[in-house]
PDB file of N, CA and C in Angstrom:
ATOM      1  N   MET A   1       0.834  -1.193   0.000  1.00  0.00           N
ATOM      2  CA  MET A   1       0.000   0.000   0.000  1.00  0.00           C
ATOM      3  C   MET A   1       0.873   1.248   0.000  1.00  0.00           C
ATOM      4  N   LYS A   2       1.975   1.213   0.750  1.00  0.00           N
ATOM      5  CA  LYS A   2       2.863   2.370   0.790  1.00  0.00           C
ATOM      6  C   LYS A   2       3.506   2.619  -0.568  1.00  0.00           C
ATOM      7  N   GLU A   3       3.683   1.592  -1.349  1.00  0.00           N
ATOM      8  CA  GLU A   3       4.295   1.741  -2.664  1.00  0.00           C
ATOM      9  C   GLU A   3       3.295   2.280  -3.684  1.00  0.00           C
ATOM     10  N   LEU A   4       2.033   2.078  -3.439  1.00  0.00           N
ATOM     11  CA  LEU A   4       0.991   2.458  -4.391  1.00  0.00           C
ATOM     12  C   LEU A   4       0.700   3.962  -4.364  1.00  0.00           C
ATOM     13  N   ILE A   5       0.780   4.592  -3.214  1.00  0.00           N
ATOM     14  CA  ILE A   5       0.440   6.016  -3.070  1.00  0.00           C
ATOM     15  C   ILE A   5       1.368   6.900  -3.909  1.00  0.00           C
ATOM     16  N   PRO A   6       2.693   6.731  -3.882  1.00  0.00           N
ATOM     17  CA  PRO A   6       3.539   7.588  -4.737  1.00  0.00           C
ATOM     18  C   PRO A   6       3.267   7.388  -6.237  1.00  0.00           C
ATOM     19  N   VAL A   7       2.898   6.182  -6.636  1.00  0.00           N
ATOM     20  CA  VAL A   7       2.595   5.933  -8.043  1.00  0.00           C
ATOM     21  C   VAL A   7       1.329   6.676  -8.444  1.00  0.00           C
ATOM     22  N   ILE A   8       0.311   6.623  -7.602  1.00  0.00           N
ATOM     23  CA  ILE A   8      -0.957   7.321  -7.887  1.00  0.00           C
ATOM     24  C   ILE A   8      -0.718   8.828  -7.957  1.00  0.00           C
ATOM     25  N   ILE A   9       0.046   9.369  -7.030  1.00  0.00           N
ATOM     26  CA  ILE A   9       0.342  10.803  -7.024  1.00  0.00           C
ATOM     27  C   ILE A   9       1.139  11.177  -8.275  1.00  0.00           C
ATOM     28  N   GLY A  10       2.071  10.345  -8.666  1.00  0.00           N
ATOM     29  CA  GLY A  10       2.861  10.601  -9.868  1.00  0.00           C
ATOM     30  C   GLY A  10       1.997  10.605 -11.117  1.00  0.00           C
ATOM     31  N   VAL A  11       1.041   9.707 -11.189  1.00  0.00           N
ATOM     32  CA  VAL A  11       0.143   9.650 -12.343  1.00  0.00           C
ATOM     33  C   VAL A  11      -0.758  10.881 -12.378  1.00  0.00           C
ATOM     34  N   LEU A  12      -1.294  11.272 -11.235  1.00  0.00           N
ATOM     35  CA  LEU A  12      -2.198  12.421 -11.193  1.00  0.00           C
ATOM     36  C   LEU A  12      -1.473  13.732 -11.475  1.00  0.00           C
ATOM     37  N   LYS A  13      -0.190  13.829 -11.219  1.00  0.00           N
ATOM     38  CA  LYS A  13       0.575  15.043 -11.475  1.00  0.00           C
ATOM     39  C   LYS A  13       1.097  15.109 -12.907  1.00  0.00           C
ATOM     40  N   ASP A  14       0.951  14.050 -13.680  1.00  0.00           N
ATOM     41  CA  ASP A  14       1.450  14.028 -15.050  1.00  0.00           C
ATOM     42  C   ASP A  14       0.636  14.992 -15.914  1.00  0.00           C
ATOM     43  N   TRP A  15       1.293  15.770 -16.769  1.00  0.00           N
ATOM     44  CA  TRP A  15       0.621  16.788 -17.567  1.00  0.00           C
ATOM     45  C   TRP A  15      -0.333  16.168 -18.591  1.00  0.00           C
ATOM     46  N   ARG A  16      -0.034  14.981 -19.059  1.00  0.00           N
ATOM     47  CA  ARG A  16      -0.903  14.325 -20.038  1.00  0.00           C
ATOM     48  C   ARG A  16      -2.242  13.930 -19.405  1.00  0.00           C
ATOM     49  N   VAL A  17      -2.186  13.494 -18.158  1.00  0.00           N
ATOM     50  CA  VAL A  17      -3.423  13.125 -17.454  1.00  0.00           C
ATOM     51  C   VAL A  17      -4.256  14.372 -17.188  1.00  0.00           C
ATOM     52  N   ILE A  18      -3.604  15.446 -16.780  1.00  0.00           N
ATOM     53  CA  ILE A  18      -4.310  16.698 -16.473  1.00  0.00           C
ATOM     54  C   ILE A  18      -4.983  17.258 -17.730  1.00  0.00           C
ATOM     55  N   THR A  19      -4.258  17.299 -18.849  1.00  0.00           N
ATOM     56  CA  THR A  19      -4.856  17.837 -20.081  1.00  0.00           C
ATOM     57  C   THR A  19      -5.975  16.936 -20.596  1.00  0.00           C
ATOM     58  N   THR A  20      -5.834  15.638 -20.432  1.00  0.00           N
ATOM     59  CA  THR A  20      -6.896  14.723 -20.868  1.00  0.00           C
ATOM     60  C   THR A  20      -8.165  14.925 -20.049  1.00  0.00           C
ATOM     61  N   VAL A  21      -8.023  15.101 -18.752  1.00  0.00           N
ATOM     62  CA  VAL A  21      -9.190  15.320 -17.884  1.00  0.00           C
ATOM     63  C   VAL A  21      -9.873  16.635 -18.240  1.00  0.00           C
ATOM     64  N   ILE A  22      -9.088  17.677 -18.461  1.00  0.00           N
ATOM     65  CA  ILE A  22      -9.668  18.981 -18.829  1.00  0.00           C
ATOM     66  C   ILE A  22     -10.396  18.871 -20.171  1.00  0.00           C
ATOM     67  N   ALA A  23      -9.776  18.211 -21.145  1.00  0.00           N
ATOM     68  CA  ALA A  23     -10.415  18.053 -22.452  1.00  0.00           C
ATOM     69  C   ALA A  23     -11.701  17.250 -22.336  1.00  0.00           C
ATOM     70  N   MET A  24     -11.698  16.205 -21.538  1.00  0.00           N
ATOM     71  CA  MET A  24     -12.908  15.398 -21.351  1.00  0.00           C
ATOM     72  C   MET A  24     -14.025  16.224 -20.719  1.00  0.00           C
ATOM     73  N   LEU A  25     -13.674  17.032 -19.723  1.00  0.00           N
ATOM     74  CA  LEU A  25     -14.697  17.868 -19.075  1.00  0.00           C
ATOM     75  C   LEU A  25     -15.305  18.856 -20.071  1.00  0.00           C
ATOM     76  N   LEU A  26     -14.472  19.455 -20.916  1.00  0.00           N
ATOM     77  CA  LEU A  26     -14.996  20.399 -21.911  1.00  0.00           C
ATOM     78  C   LEU A  26     -15.920  19.701 -22.911  1.00  0.00           C
ATOM     79  N   VAL A  27     -15.541  18.518 -23.366  1.00  0.00           N
ATOM     80  CA  VAL A  27     -16.368  17.784 -24.321  1.00  0.00           C
ATOM     81  C   VAL A  27     -17.692  17.384 -23.684  1.00  0.00           C
ATOM     82  N   ILE A  28     -17.653  16.930 -22.446  1.00  0.00           N
ATOM     83  CA  ILE A  28     -18.880  16.512 -21.754  1.00  0.00           C
ATOM     84  C   ILE A  28     -19.815  17.705 -21.547  1.00  0.00           C
ATOM     85  N   GLU A  29     -19.258  18.843 -21.130  1.00  0.00           N
ATOM     86  CA  GLU A  29     -20.090  20.038 -20.919  1.00  0.00           C
ATOM     87  C   GLU A  29     -20.697  20.515 -22.235  1.00  0.00           C
ATOM     88  N   PHE A  30     -19.940  20.458 -23.324  1.00  0.00           N
ATOM     89  CA  PHE A  30     -20.475  20.859 -24.628  1.00  0.00           C
ATOM     90  C   PHE A  30     -21.584  19.907 -25.069  1.00  0.00           C
ATOM     91  N   ALA A  31     -21.399  18.619 -24.830  1.00  0.00           N
ATOM     92  CA  ALA A  31     -22.431  17.636 -25.203  1.00  0.00           C
ATOM     93  C   ALA A  31     -23.707  17.875 -24.396  1.00  0.00           C
ATOM     94  N   LYS A  32     -23.577  18.206 -23.115  1.00  0.00           N
ATOM     95  CA  LYS A  32     -24.761  18.503 -22.302  1.00  0.00           C
ATOM     96  C   LYS A  32     -25.462  19.757 -22.814  1.00  0.00           C
ATOM     97  N   PHE A  33     -24.676  20.747 -23.227  1.00  0.00           N
ATOM     98  CA  PHE A  33     -25.263  21.978 -23.758  1.00  0.00           C
ATOM     99  C   PHE A  33     -26.057  21.690 -25.031  1.00  0.00           C
ATOM    100  N   VAL A  34     -25.479  20.909 -25.934  1.00  0.00           N
ATOM    101  CA  VAL A  34     -26.151  20.582 -27.187  1.00  0.00           C
ATOM    102  C   VAL A  34     -27.397  19.753 -26.926  1.00  0.00           C
ATOM    103  N   ALA A  35     -27.338  18.842 -25.982  1.00  0.00           N
ATOM    104  CA  ALA A  35     -28.487  17.992 -25.686  1.00  0.00           C
ATOM    105  C   ALA A  35     -29.639  18.787 -25.075  1.00  0.00           C
ATOM    106  N   ASN A  36     -29.329  19.800 -24.293  1.00  0.00           N
ATOM    107  CA  ASN A  36     -30.362  20.573 -23.603  1.00  0.00           C
ATOM    108  C   ASN A  36     -30.774  21.833 -24.358  1.00  0.00           C
ATOM    109  N   TYR A  37     -30.127  22.120 -25.486  1.00  0.00           N
ATOM    110  CA  TYR A  37     -30.411  23.346 -26.230  1.00  0.00           C
ATOM    111  C   TYR A  37     -31.801  23.276 -26.842  1.00  0.00           C
ATOM    112  N   LYS A  38     -32.564  24.324 -26.632  1.00  0.00           N
ATOM    113  CA  LYS A  38     -33.895  24.428 -27.230  1.00  0.00           C
ATOM    114  C   LYS A  38     -33.960  25.730 -27.991  1.00  0.00           C
ATOM    115  N   LYS A  39     -34.318  25.629 -29.258  1.00  0.00           N
ATOM    116  CA  LYS A  39     -34.423  26.821 -30.071  1.00  0.00           C
ATOM    117  C   LYS A  39     -35.698  27.560 -29.687  1.00  0.00           C
ATOM    118  N   ARG A  40     -35.563  28.850 -29.479  1.00  0.00           N
ATOM    119  CA  ARG A  40     -36.726  29.650 -29.106  1.00  0.00           C
ATOM    120  C   ARG A  40     -37.627  29.849 -30.316  1.00  0.00           C
ATOM    121  N   SER A  41     -38.925  29.767 -30.082  1.00  0.00           N
ATOM    122  CA  SER A  41     -39.852  30.002 -31.178  1.00  0.00           C
ATOM    123  C   SER A  41     -39.893  31.506 -31.461  1.00  0.00           C
ATOM    124  N   PRO A  42     -40.093  31.874 -32.704  1.00  0.00           N
ATOM    125  CA  PRO A  42     -40.114  33.303 -33.021  1.00  0.00           C
ATOM    126  C   PRO A  42     -41.301  33.974 -32.352  1.00  0.00           C
ATOM    127  N   ARG A  43     -41.049  35.137 -31.821  1.00  0.00           N
ATOM    128  CA  ARG A  43     -42.122  35.881 -31.154  1.00  0.00           C
ATOM    129  C   ARG A  43     -43.026  36.522 -32.200  1.00  0.00           C
ATOM    130  N   PRO A  44     -44.320  36.507 -31.963  1.00  0.00           N
ATOM    131  CA  PRO A  44     -45.216  37.182 -32.915  1.00  0.00           C
ATOM    132  C   PRO A  44     -44.992  38.697 -32.855  1.00  0.00           C
ATOM    133  N   LYS A  45     -45.113  39.326 -34.010  1.00  0.00           N
ATOM    134  CA  LYS A  45     -44.906  40.769 -34.053  1.00  0.00           C
ATOM    135  C   LYS A  45     -46.049  41.480 -33.338  1.00  0.00           C
ATOM    136  N   VAL A  46     -45.683  42.491 -32.575  1.00  0.00           N
ATOM    137  CA  VAL A  46     -46.676  43.257 -31.837  1.00  0.00           C
ATOM    138  C   VAL A  46     -47.267  44.294 -32.778  1.00  0.00           C
ATOM    139  N   LYS A  47     -48.578  44.262 -32.922  1.00  0.00           N
ATOM    140  CA  LYS A  47     -49.244  45.234 -33.789  1.00  0.00           C
ATOM    141  C   LYS A  47     -49.435  46.527 -33.026  1.00  0.00           C
ATOM    142  N   LYS A  48     -49.170  47.622 -33.706  1.00  0.00           N
ATOM    143  CA  LYS A  48     -49.342  48.921 -33.062  1.00  0.00           C
ATOM    144  C   LYS A  48     -50.831  49.225 -32.930  1.00  0.00           C
ATOM    145  N   ALA A  49     -51.173  49.819 -31.811  1.00  0.00           N
ATOM    146  CA  ALA A  49     -52.559  50.199 -31.579  1.00  0.00           C
ATOM    147  C   ALA A  49     -52.901  51.361 -32.499  1.00  0.00           C
ATOM    148  N   PRO A  50     -54.135  51.417 -32.966  1.00  0.00           N
ATOM    149  CA  PRO A  50     -54.509  52.546 -33.834  1.00  0.00           C
ATOM    150  C   PRO A  50     -54.414  53.850 -33.060  1.00  0.00           C
ATOM    151  N   ALA A  51     -54.122  54.909 -33.772  1.00  0.00           N
ATOM    152  CA  ALA A  51     -53.979  56.218 -33.133  1.00  0.00           C
ATOM    153  C   ALA A  51     -55.321  56.631 -32.530  1.00  0.00           C
ATOM    154  N   PRO A  52     -55.277  57.192 -31.324  1.00  0.00           N
ATOM    155  CA  PRO A  52     -56.540  57.612 -30.710  1.00  0.00           C
ATOM    156  C   PRO A  52     -57.173  58.756 -31.499  1.00  0.00           C
ATOM    157  N   ALA A  53     -58.483  58.853 -31.420  1.00  0.00           N
ATOM    158  CA  ALA A  53     -59.210  59.910 -32.121  1.00  0.00           C
ATOM    159  C   ALA A  53     -58.767  61.254 -31.559  1.00  0.00           C
ATOM    160  N   PRO A  54     -58.673  62.267 -32.410  1.00  0.00           N
ATOM    161  CA  PRO A  54     -58.248  63.583 -31.913  1.00  0.00           C
ATOM    162  C   PRO A  54     -59.265  64.129 -30.908  1.00  0.00           C
ATOM    163  N   ALA A  55     -58.733  64.787 -29.903  1.00  0.00           N
ATOM    164  CA  ALA A  55     -59.587  65.354 -28.861  1.00  0.00           C
ATOM    165  C   ALA A  55     -60.420  66.487 -29.455  1.00  0.00           C
ATOM    166  N   PRO A  56     -61.635  66.662 -28.952  1.00  0.00           N
ATOM    167  CA  PRO A  56     -62.461  67.758 -29.482  1.00  0.00           C
ATOM    168  C   PRO A  56     -61.805  69.100 -29.186  1.00  0.00           C
ATOM    169  N   ALA A  57     -61.892  69.985 -30.146  1.00  0.00           N
ATOM    170  CA  ALA A  57     -61.252  71.294 -30.002  1.00  0.00           C
ATOM    171  C   ALA A  57     -61.966  72.102 -28.933  1.00  0.00           C
ATOM    172  N   GLU A  58     -61.162  72.724 -28.072  1.00  0.00           N
ATOM    173  CA  GLU A  58     -61.732  73.571 -27.015  1.00  0.00           C
ATOM    174  C   GLU A  58     -61.926  74.979 -27.570  1.00  0.00           C
ATOM    175  N   LYS A  59     -62.773  75.724 -26.901  1.00  0.00           N
ATOM    176  CA  LYS A  59     -62.996  77.092 -27.336  1.00  0.00           C
ATOM    177  C   LYS A  59     -61.726  77.899 -27.114  1.00  0.00           C
ATOM    178  N   LYS A  60     -61.333  78.593 -28.147  1.00  0.00           N
ATOM    179  CA  LYS A  60     -60.128  79.407 -28.031  1.00  0.00           C
ATOM    180  C   LYS A  60     -60.526  80.806 -27.588  1.00  0.00           C
ATOM    181  N   GLU A  61     -59.721  81.343 -26.688  1.00  0.00           N
ATOM    182  CA  GLU A  61     -59.962  82.716 -26.250  1.00  0.00           C
ATOM    183  C   GLU A  61     -59.383  83.657 -27.296  1.00  0.00           C
ATOM    184  N   ASP A  62     -59.768  84.920 -27.206  1.00  0.00           N
ATOM    185  CA  ASP A  62     -59.243  85.898 -28.151  1.00  0.00           C
ATOM    186  C   ASP A  62     -57.733  86.034 -28.010  1.00  0.00           C
ATOM    187  N   LYS A  63     -57.258  85.994 -26.771  1.00  0.00           N
ATOM    188  CA  LYS A  63     -55.836  86.125 -26.517  1.00  0.00           C
ATOM    189  C   LYS A  63     -55.393  84.939 -25.664  1.00  0.00           C
ATOM    190  N   PRO A  64     -54.287  84.321 -26.003  1.00  0.00           N
ATOM    191  CA  PRO A  64     -53.775  83.244 -25.151  1.00  0.00           C
ATOM    192  C   PRO A  64     -53.382  83.787 -23.792  1.00  0.00           C
ATOM    193  N   ALA A  65     -53.306  82.942 -22.816  1.00  0.00           N
ATOM    194  CA  ALA A  65     -53.036  83.344 -21.442  1.00  0.00           C
ATOM    195  C   ALA A  65     -51.686  84.031 -21.317  1.00  0.00           C
ATOM    196  N   GLU A  66     -50.683  83.585 -22.080  1.00  0.00           N
ATOM    197  CA  GLU A  66     -49.354  84.191 -21.970  1.00  0.00           C
ATOM    198  C   GLU A  66     -49.376  85.640 -22.456  1.00  0.00           C
ATOM    199  N   GLU A  67     -50.092  85.913 -23.537  1.00  0.00           N
ATOM    200  CA  GLU A  67     -50.152  87.280 -24.054  1.00  0.00           C
ATOM    201  C   GLU A  67     -50.907  88.177 -23.085  1.00  0.00           C
ATOM    202  N   ALA A  68     -51.923  87.630 -22.414  1.00  0.00           N
ATOM    203  CA  ALA A  68     -52.675  88.424 -21.454  1.00  0.00           C
ATOM    204  C   ALA A  68     -51.804  88.800 -20.265  1.00  0.00           C
ATOM    205  N   LYS A  69     -50.931  87.895 -19.853  1.00  0.00           N
ATOM    206  CA  LYS A  69     -50.029  88.182 -18.734  1.00  0.00           C
ATOM    207  C   LYS A  69     -49.022  89.261 -19.106  1.00  0.00           C
ATOM    208  N   GLU A  70     -48.534  89.212 -20.363  1.00  0.00           N
ATOM    209  CA  GLU A  70     -47.556  90.206 -20.806  1.00  0.00           C
ATOM    210  C   GLU A  70     -48.175  91.603 -20.833  1.00  0.00           C
ATOM    211  N   GLU A  71     -49.413  91.696 -21.285  1.00  0.00           N
ATOM    212  CA  GLU A  71     -50.065  93.005 -21.342  1.00  0.00           C
ATOM    213  C   GLU A  71     -50.332  93.535 -19.941  1.00  0.00           C
ATOM    214  N   ALA A  72     -50.644  92.613 -19.018  1.00  0.00           N
ATOM    215  CA  ALA A  72     -50.927  93.037 -17.649  1.00  0.00           C
ATOM    216  C   ALA A  72     -49.642  93.539 -16.980  1.00  0.00           C
ATOM    217  N   ALA A  73     -48.495  92.985 -17.349  1.00  0.00           N
ATOM    218  CA  ALA A  73     -47.234  93.368 -16.753  1.00  0.00           C
ATOM    219  C   ALA A  73     -46.791  94.749 -17.224  1.00  0.00           C
ATOM    220  N   GLU A  74     -47.208  95.148 -18.405  1.00  0.00           N
ATOM    221  CA  GLU A  74     -46.788  96.445 -18.966  1.00  0.00           C
ATOM    222  C   GLU A  74     -47.560  97.503 -18.320  1.00  0.00           C
TER     223      GLU A  74
END
């Protein structure tokens, strides 16, 4: 058993084992992504609401309020 531990540690520290594990993890994650990928259905276009009817015209005064204020100030 004492002889086995240094061999296991040596194998796990090898760069080929590390790169293989990383590559396997990337491939597995990509495969899971592809398997779970769902294409979104196209959203229906939102139709614009018709323009509201114009408001009825109010009675206009002879002079707008701003002009009346200016004359009062003079």
